[in-house]
Each structure stands twice: as C-alpha cells, then as structure tokens.
Amino acid sequence: METQNKMIKAHLKKGLRLTSLEALELFGCFRLSARISELKTSGFNVEKVMIDLPNGKRIAEYYMP
C-alpha cells in the first residue's frame, strides 16, 4: 500500500484531482478514501469536494490545495 500512497501523493502534487474510479484505473487502488486517510495522518494536506455525476450520483474528488 505504500506504493499506492506514493503514486497518489505524486499525482496530487502535480495539481491533479483524483476520484475513486480514477485511482482504481491508474493505481489499482480499490480504497482511495483509506489511502487518503493514511496520507492525511502522515501530514499531507488533502482536501475533498463532492461532485454530482450526470446519473445523479455524488462522488468524492480529492485534491491538494
């Protein structure tokens, strides 16, 4: 999981945003919220915004402020 954390952190540091589906596709990460929690615990600043999809569902999108 450390490798996923490093890849997610690098992705966010580039100014990119990340959803759970993107994390699965890019990094094979099934539990993005858990990885984000680990990053926050280690002191990395990550924010979340909820976005509405065309099908009416709401998902979290993570970014670095």
PDB file of N, CA and C in Angstrom:
ATOM      1  N   MET A   1       0.813  -1.198   0.000  1.00  0.00           N
ATOM      2  CA  MET A   1       0.000   0.000   0.000  1.00  0.00           C
ATOM      3  C   MET A   1       0.855   1.260   0.000  1.00  0.00           C
ATOM      4  N   GLU A   2       2.051   1.146   0.498  1.00  0.00           N
ATOM      5  CA  GLU A   2       2.939   2.308   0.490  1.00  0.00           C
ATOM      6  C   GLU A   2       3.174   2.805  -0.930  1.00  0.00           C
ATOM      7  N   THR A   3       3.286   1.877  -1.863  1.00  0.00           N
ATOM      8  CA  THR A   3       3.489   2.263  -3.251  1.00  0.00           C
ATOM      9  C   THR A   3       2.291   3.046  -3.774  1.00  0.00           C
ATOM     10  N   GLN A   4       1.079   2.594  -3.450  1.00  0.00           N
ATOM     11  CA  GLN A   4      -0.115   3.332  -3.859  1.00  0.00           C
ATOM     12  C   GLN A   4      -0.106   4.723  -3.239  1.00  0.00           C
ATOM     13  N   ASN A   5       0.253   4.831  -1.975  1.00  0.00           N
ATOM     14  CA  ASN A   5       0.307   6.133  -1.322  1.00  0.00           C
ATOM     15  C   ASN A   5       1.276   7.062  -2.034  1.00  0.00           C
ATOM     16  N   LYS A   6       2.426   6.540  -2.409  1.00  0.00           N
ATOM     17  CA  LYS A   6       3.417   7.367  -3.108  1.00  0.00           C
ATOM     18  C   LYS A   6       2.887   7.824  -4.471  1.00  0.00           C
ATOM     19  N   MET A   7       2.238   6.918  -5.192  1.00  0.00           N
ATOM     20  CA  MET A   7       1.703   7.271  -6.512  1.00  0.00           C
ATOM     21  C   MET A   7       0.570   8.292  -6.393  1.00  0.00           C
ATOM     22  N   ILE A   8      -0.298   8.107  -5.407  1.00  0.00           N
ATOM     23  CA  ILE A   8      -1.409   9.035  -5.201  1.00  0.00           C
ATOM     24  C   ILE A   8      -0.876  10.403  -4.802  1.00  0.00           C
ATOM     25  N   LYS A   9       0.085  10.424  -3.896  1.00  0.00           N
ATOM     26  CA  LYS A   9       0.684  11.679  -3.452  1.00  0.00           C
ATOM     27  C   LYS A   9       1.333  12.419  -4.621  1.00  0.00           C
ATOM     28  N   ALA A  10       2.086  11.711  -5.452  1.00  0.00           N
ATOM     29  CA  ALA A  10       2.731  12.319  -6.620  1.00  0.00           C
ATOM     30  C   ALA A  10       1.683  12.879  -7.578  1.00  0.00           C
ATOM     31  N   HIS A  11       0.603  12.146  -7.772  1.00  0.00           N
ATOM     32  CA  HIS A  11      -0.481  12.584  -8.659  1.00  0.00           C
ATOM     33  C   HIS A  11      -1.082  13.897  -8.155  1.00  0.00           C
ATOM     34  N   LEU A  12      -1.379  13.944  -6.868  1.00  0.00           N
ATOM     35  CA  LEU A  12      -1.985  15.140  -6.282  1.00  0.00           C
ATOM     36  C   LEU A  12      -1.012  16.315  -6.260  1.00  0.00           C
ATOM     37  N   LYS A  13       0.267  16.044  -6.042  1.00  0.00           N
ATOM     38  CA  LYS A  13       1.278  17.107  -6.022  1.00  0.00           C
ATOM     39  C   LYS A  13       1.418  17.792  -7.378  1.00  0.00           C
ATOM     40  N   LYS A  14       1.045  17.094  -8.452  1.00  0.00           N
ATOM     41  CA  LYS A  14       1.081  17.675  -9.798  1.00  0.00           C
ATOM     42  C   LYS A  14      -0.062  18.657 -10.022  1.00  0.00           C
ATOM     43  N   GLY A  15      -0.945  18.785  -9.022  1.00  0.00           N
ATOM     44  CA  GLY A  15      -2.096  19.672  -9.167  1.00  0.00           C
ATOM     45  C   GLY A  15      -3.295  18.988  -9.784  1.00  0.00           C
ATOM     46  N   LEU A  16      -3.217  17.669  -9.916  1.00  0.00           N
ATOM     47  CA  LEU A  16      -4.317  16.907 -10.495  1.00  0.00           C
ATOM     48  C   LEU A  16      -5.305  16.490  -9.410  1.00  0.00           C
ATOM     49  N   ARG A  17      -6.518  16.208  -9.818  1.00  0.00           N
ATOM     50  CA  ARG A  17      -7.554  15.734  -8.905  1.00  0.00           C
ATOM     51  C   ARG A  17      -7.732  14.242  -9.104  1.00  0.00           C
ATOM     52  N   LEU A  18      -8.382  13.589  -8.140  1.00  0.00           N
ATOM     53  CA  LEU A  18      -8.485  12.138  -8.200  1.00  0.00           C
ATOM     54  C   LEU A  18      -9.791  11.656  -7.590  1.00  0.00           C
ATOM     55  N   THR A  19     -10.498  10.797  -8.325  1.00  0.00           N
ATOM     56  CA  THR A  19     -11.705  10.138  -7.821  1.00  0.00           C
ATOM     57  C   THR A  19     -11.378   8.663  -7.594  1.00  0.00           C
ATOM     58  N   SER A  20     -12.278   7.964  -6.946  1.00  0.00           N
ATOM     59  CA  SER A  20     -12.066   6.541  -6.683  1.00  0.00           C
ATOM     60  C   SER A  20     -11.916   5.739  -7.972  1.00  0.00           C
ATOM     61  N   LEU A  21     -12.725   6.026  -8.959  1.00  0.00           N
ATOM     62  CA  LEU A  21     -12.636   5.296 -10.225  1.00  0.00           C
ATOM     63  C   LEU A  21     -11.293   5.552 -10.908  1.00  0.00           C
ATOM     64  N   GLU A  22     -10.836   6.789 -10.886  1.00  0.00           N
ATOM     65  CA  GLU A  22      -9.532   7.104 -11.476  1.00  0.00           C
ATOM     66  C   GLU A  22      -8.405   6.400 -10.725  1.00  0.00           C
ATOM     67  N   ALA A  23      -8.514   6.358  -9.385  1.00  0.00           N
ATOM     68  CA  ALA A  23      -7.487   5.685  -8.571  1.00  0.00           C
ATOM     69  C   ALA A  23      -7.436   4.197  -8.900  1.00  0.00           C
ATOM     70  N   LEU A  24      -8.579   3.609  -9.126  1.00  0.00           N
ATOM     71  CA  LEU A  24      -8.630   2.199  -9.498  1.00  0.00           C
ATOM     72  C   LEU A  24      -7.969   1.987 -10.857  1.00  0.00           C
ATOM     73  N   GLU A  25      -8.306   2.829 -11.826  1.00  0.00           N
ATOM     74  CA  GLU A  25      -7.758   2.699 -13.176  1.00  0.00           C
ATOM     75  C   GLU A  25      -6.254   2.985 -13.222  1.00  0.00           C
ATOM     76  N   LEU A  26      -5.818   4.031 -12.520  1.00  0.00           N
ATOM     77  CA  LEU A  26      -4.423   4.460 -12.591  1.00  0.00           C
ATOM     78  C   LEU A  26      -3.480   3.657 -11.698  1.00  0.00           C
ATOM     79  N   PHE A  27      -3.957   3.335 -10.488  1.00  0.00           N
ATOM     80  CA  PHE A  27      -3.056   2.768  -9.483  1.00  0.00           C
ATOM     81  C   PHE A  27      -3.498   1.414  -8.934  1.00  0.00           C
ATOM     82  N   GLY A  28      -4.627   0.880  -9.421  1.00  0.00           N
ATOM     83  CA  GLY A  28      -5.130  -0.382  -8.889  1.00  0.00           C
ATOM     84  C   GLY A  28      -5.589  -0.261  -7.450  1.00  0.00           C
ATOM     85  N   CYS A  29      -6.013   0.930  -7.064  1.00  0.00           N
ATOM     86  CA  CYS A  29      -6.399   1.221  -5.684  1.00  0.00           C
ATOM     87  C   CYS A  29      -7.915   1.113  -5.535  1.00  0.00           C
ATOM     88  N   PHE A  30      -8.355   0.133  -4.759  1.00  0.00           N
ATOM     89  CA  PHE A  30      -9.784  -0.075  -4.534  1.00  0.00           C
ATOM     90  C   PHE A  30     -10.328   0.793  -3.403  1.00  0.00           C
ATOM     91  N   ARG A  31      -9.460   1.265  -2.498  1.00  0.00           N
ATOM     92  CA  ARG A  31      -9.907   2.001  -1.315  1.00  0.00           C
ATOM     93  C   ARG A  31      -9.204   3.352  -1.235  1.00  0.00           C
ATOM     94  N   LEU A  32      -9.546   4.244  -2.137  1.00  0.00           N
ATOM     95  CA  LEU A  32      -8.905   5.553  -2.174  1.00  0.00           C
ATOM     96  C   LEU A  32      -9.104   6.312  -0.871  1.00  0.00           C
ATOM     97  N   SER A  33     -10.287   6.262  -0.291  1.00  0.00           N
ATOM     98  CA  SER A  33     -10.525   7.019   0.946  1.00  0.00           C
ATOM     99  C   SER A  33      -9.593   6.550   2.068  1.00  0.00           C
ATOM    100  N   ALA A  34      -9.278   5.267   2.113  1.00  0.00           N
ATOM    101  CA  ALA A  34      -8.341   4.760   3.122  1.00  0.00           C
ATOM    102  C   ALA A  34      -6.926   5.280   2.859  1.00  0.00           C
ATOM    103  N   ARG A  35      -6.514   5.291   1.600  1.00  0.00           N
ATOM    104  CA  ARG A  35      -5.187   5.806   1.271  1.00  0.00           C
ATOM    105  C   ARG A  35      -5.104   7.300   1.585  1.00  0.00           C
ATOM    106  N   ILE A  36      -6.168   8.051   1.298  1.00  0.00           N
ATOM    107  CA  ILE A  36      -6.192   9.484   1.601  1.00  0.00           C
ATOM    108  C   ILE A  36      -6.090   9.694   3.103  1.00  0.00           C
ATOM    109  N   SER A  37      -6.793   8.888   3.874  1.00  0.00           N
ATOM    110  CA  SER A  37      -6.729   8.975   5.333  1.00  0.00           C
ATOM    111  C   SER A  37      -5.304   8.743   5.825  1.00  0.00           C
ATOM    112  N   GLU A  38      -4.621   7.759   5.254  1.00  0.00           N
ATOM    113  CA  GLU A  38      -3.233   7.490   5.630  1.00  0.00           C
ATOM    114  C   GLU A  38      -2.329   8.665   5.285  1.00  0.00           C
ATOM    115  N   LEU A  39      -2.544   9.263   4.116  1.00  0.00           N
ATOM    116  CA  LEU A  39      -1.745  10.422   3.725  1.00  0.00           C
ATOM    117  C   LEU A  39      -1.979  11.595   4.679  1.00  0.00           C
ATOM    118  N   LYS A  40      -3.232  11.827   5.039  1.00  0.00           N
ATOM    119  CA  LYS A  40      -3.547  12.907   5.980  1.00  0.00           C
ATOM    120  C   LYS A  40      -2.898  12.658   7.337  1.00  0.00           C
ATOM    121  N   THR A  41      -2.930  11.416   7.807  1.00  0.00           N
ATOM    122  CA  THR A  41      -2.321  11.060   9.089  1.00  0.00           C
ATOM    123  C   THR A  41      -0.817  11.317   9.070  1.00  0.00           C
ATOM    124  N   SER A  42      -0.198  11.140   7.915  1.00  0.00           N
ATOM    125  CA  SER A  42       1.242  11.375   7.794  1.00  0.00           C
ATOM    126  C   SER A  42       1.572  12.856   7.589  1.00  0.00           C
ATOM    127  N   GLY A  43       0.545  13.725   7.569  1.00  0.00           N
ATOM    128  CA  GLY A  43       0.775  15.161   7.472  1.00  0.00           C
ATOM    129  C   GLY A  43       0.577  15.773   6.098  1.00  0.00           C
ATOM    130  N   PHE A  44       0.168  14.994   5.116  1.00  0.00           N
ATOM    131  CA  PHE A  44      -0.055  15.509   3.764  1.00  0.00           C
ATOM    132  C   PHE A  44      -1.425  16.173   3.708  1.00  0.00           C
ATOM    133  N   ASN A  45      -1.487  17.392   3.191  1.00  0.00           N
ATOM    134  CA  ASN A  45      -2.722  18.163   3.148  1.00  0.00           C
ATOM    135  C   ASN A  45      -3.540  17.803   1.899  1.00  0.00           C
ATOM    136  N   VAL A  46      -4.661  17.145   2.101  1.00  0.00           N
ATOM    137  CA  VAL A  46      -5.555  16.740   1.006  1.00  0.00           C
ATOM    138  C   VAL A  46      -6.958  17.226   1.333  1.00  0.00           C
ATOM    139  N   GLU A  47      -7.616  17.797   0.355  1.00  0.00           N
ATOM    140  CA  GLU A  47      -8.989  18.267   0.513  1.00  0.00           C
ATOM    141  C   GLU A  47      -9.909  17.430  -0.373  1.00  0.00           C
ATOM    142  N   LYS A  48     -11.204  17.521  -0.080  1.00  0.00           N
ATOM    143  CA  LYS A  48     -12.197  16.749  -0.823  1.00  0.00           C
ATOM    144  C   LYS A  48     -13.348  17.667  -1.214  1.00  0.00           C
ATOM    145  N   VAL A  49     -13.863  17.463  -2.403  1.00  0.00           N
ATOM    146  CA  VAL A  49     -15.069  18.135  -2.856  1.00  0.00           C
ATOM    147  C   VAL A  49     -15.998  17.052  -3.401  1.00  0.00           C
ATOM    148  N   MET A  50     -17.275  17.194  -3.152  1.00  0.00           N
ATOM    149  CA  MET A  50     -18.248  16.243  -3.685  1.00  0.00           C
ATOM    150  C   MET A  50     -18.738  16.776  -5.031  1.00  0.00           C
ATOM    151  N   ILE A  51     -18.737  15.907  -6.030  1.00  0.00           N
ATOM    152  CA  ILE A  51     -19.202  16.318  -7.346  1.00  0.00           C
ATOM    153  C   ILE A  51     -20.411  15.467  -7.746  1.00  0.00           C
ATOM    154  N   ASP A  52     -21.302  16.089  -8.503  1.00  0.00           N
ATOM    155  CA  ASP A  52     -22.514  15.423  -8.982  1.00  0.00           C
ATOM    156  C   ASP A  52     -22.260  14.872 -10.384  1.00  0.00           C
ATOM    157  N   LEU A  53     -22.553  13.606 -10.562  1.00  0.00           N
ATOM    158  CA  LEU A  53     -22.409  12.976 -11.871  1.00  0.00           C
ATOM    159  C   LEU A  53     -23.712  13.112 -12.659  1.00  0.00           C
ATOM    160  N   PRO A  54     -23.657  12.985 -13.981  1.00  0.00           N
ATOM    161  CA  PRO A  54     -24.861  13.093 -14.799  1.00  0.00           C
ATOM    162  C   PRO A  54     -25.958  12.089 -14.416  1.00  0.00           C
ATOM    163  N   ASN A  55     -25.572  10.954 -13.829  1.00  0.00           N
ATOM    164  CA  ASN A  55     -26.571   9.944 -13.456  1.00  0.00           C
ATOM    165  C   ASN A  55     -27.196  10.217 -12.085  1.00  0.00           C
ATOM    166  N   GLY A  56     -26.852  11.369 -11.475  1.00  0.00           N
ATOM    167  CA  GLY A  56     -27.440  11.745 -10.202  1.00  0.00           C
ATOM    168  C   GLY A  56     -26.644  11.316  -8.981  1.00  0.00           C
ATOM    169  N   LYS A  57     -25.613  10.529  -9.168  1.00  0.00           N
ATOM    170  CA  LYS A  57     -24.783  10.087  -8.043  1.00  0.00           C
ATOM    171  C   LYS A  57     -23.793  11.181  -7.659  1.00  0.00           C
ATOM    172  N   ARG A  58     -23.355  11.127  -6.397  1.00  0.00           N
ATOM    173  CA  ARG A  58     -22.333  12.069  -5.895  1.00  0.00           C
ATOM    174  C   ARG A  58     -21.107  11.265  -5.502  1.00  0.00           C
ATOM    175  N   ILE A  59     -19.943  11.760  -5.928  1.00  0.00           N
ATOM    176  CA  ILE A  59     -18.699  11.094  -5.583  1.00  0.00           C
ATOM    177  C   ILE A  59     -17.699  12.114  -5.057  1.00  0.00           C
ATOM    178  N   ALA A  60     -16.718  11.615  -4.310  1.00  0.00           N
ATOM    179  CA  ALA A  60     -15.667  12.469  -3.775  1.00  0.00           C
ATOM    180  C   ALA A  60     -14.545  12.626  -4.801  1.00  0.00           C
ATOM    181  N   GLU A  61     -14.046  13.840  -4.872  1.00  0.00           N
ATOM    182  CA  GLU A  61     -12.890  14.128  -5.703  1.00  0.00           C
ATOM    183  C   GLU A  61     -11.850  14.781  -4.799  1.00  0.00           C
ATOM    184  N   TYR A  62     -10.650  14.213  -4.747  1.00  0.00           N
ATOM    185  CA  TYR A  62      -9.610  14.675  -3.841  1.00  0.00           C
ATOM    186  C   TYR A  62      -8.611  15.543  -4.606  1.00  0.00           C
ATOM    187  N   TYR A  63      -8.060  16.525  -3.889  1.00  0.00           N
ATOM    188  CA  TYR A  63      -7.064  17.414  -4.479  1.00  0.00           C
ATOM    189  C   TYR A  63      -6.188  17.989  -3.374  1.00  0.00           C
ATOM    190  N   MET A  64      -5.080  18.563  -3.785  1.00  0.00           N
ATOM    191  CA  MET A  64      -4.174  19.217  -2.860  1.00  0.00           C
ATOM    192  C   MET A  64      -4.358  20.730  -3.012  1.00  0.00           C
ATOM    193  N   PRO A  65      -4.713  21.416  -1.923  1.00  0.00           N
ATOM    194  CA  PRO A  65      -4.945  22.869  -2.028  1.00  0.00           C
ATOM    195  C   PRO A  65      -3.673  23.663  -2.258  1.00  0.00           C
TER     196      PRO A  65
END
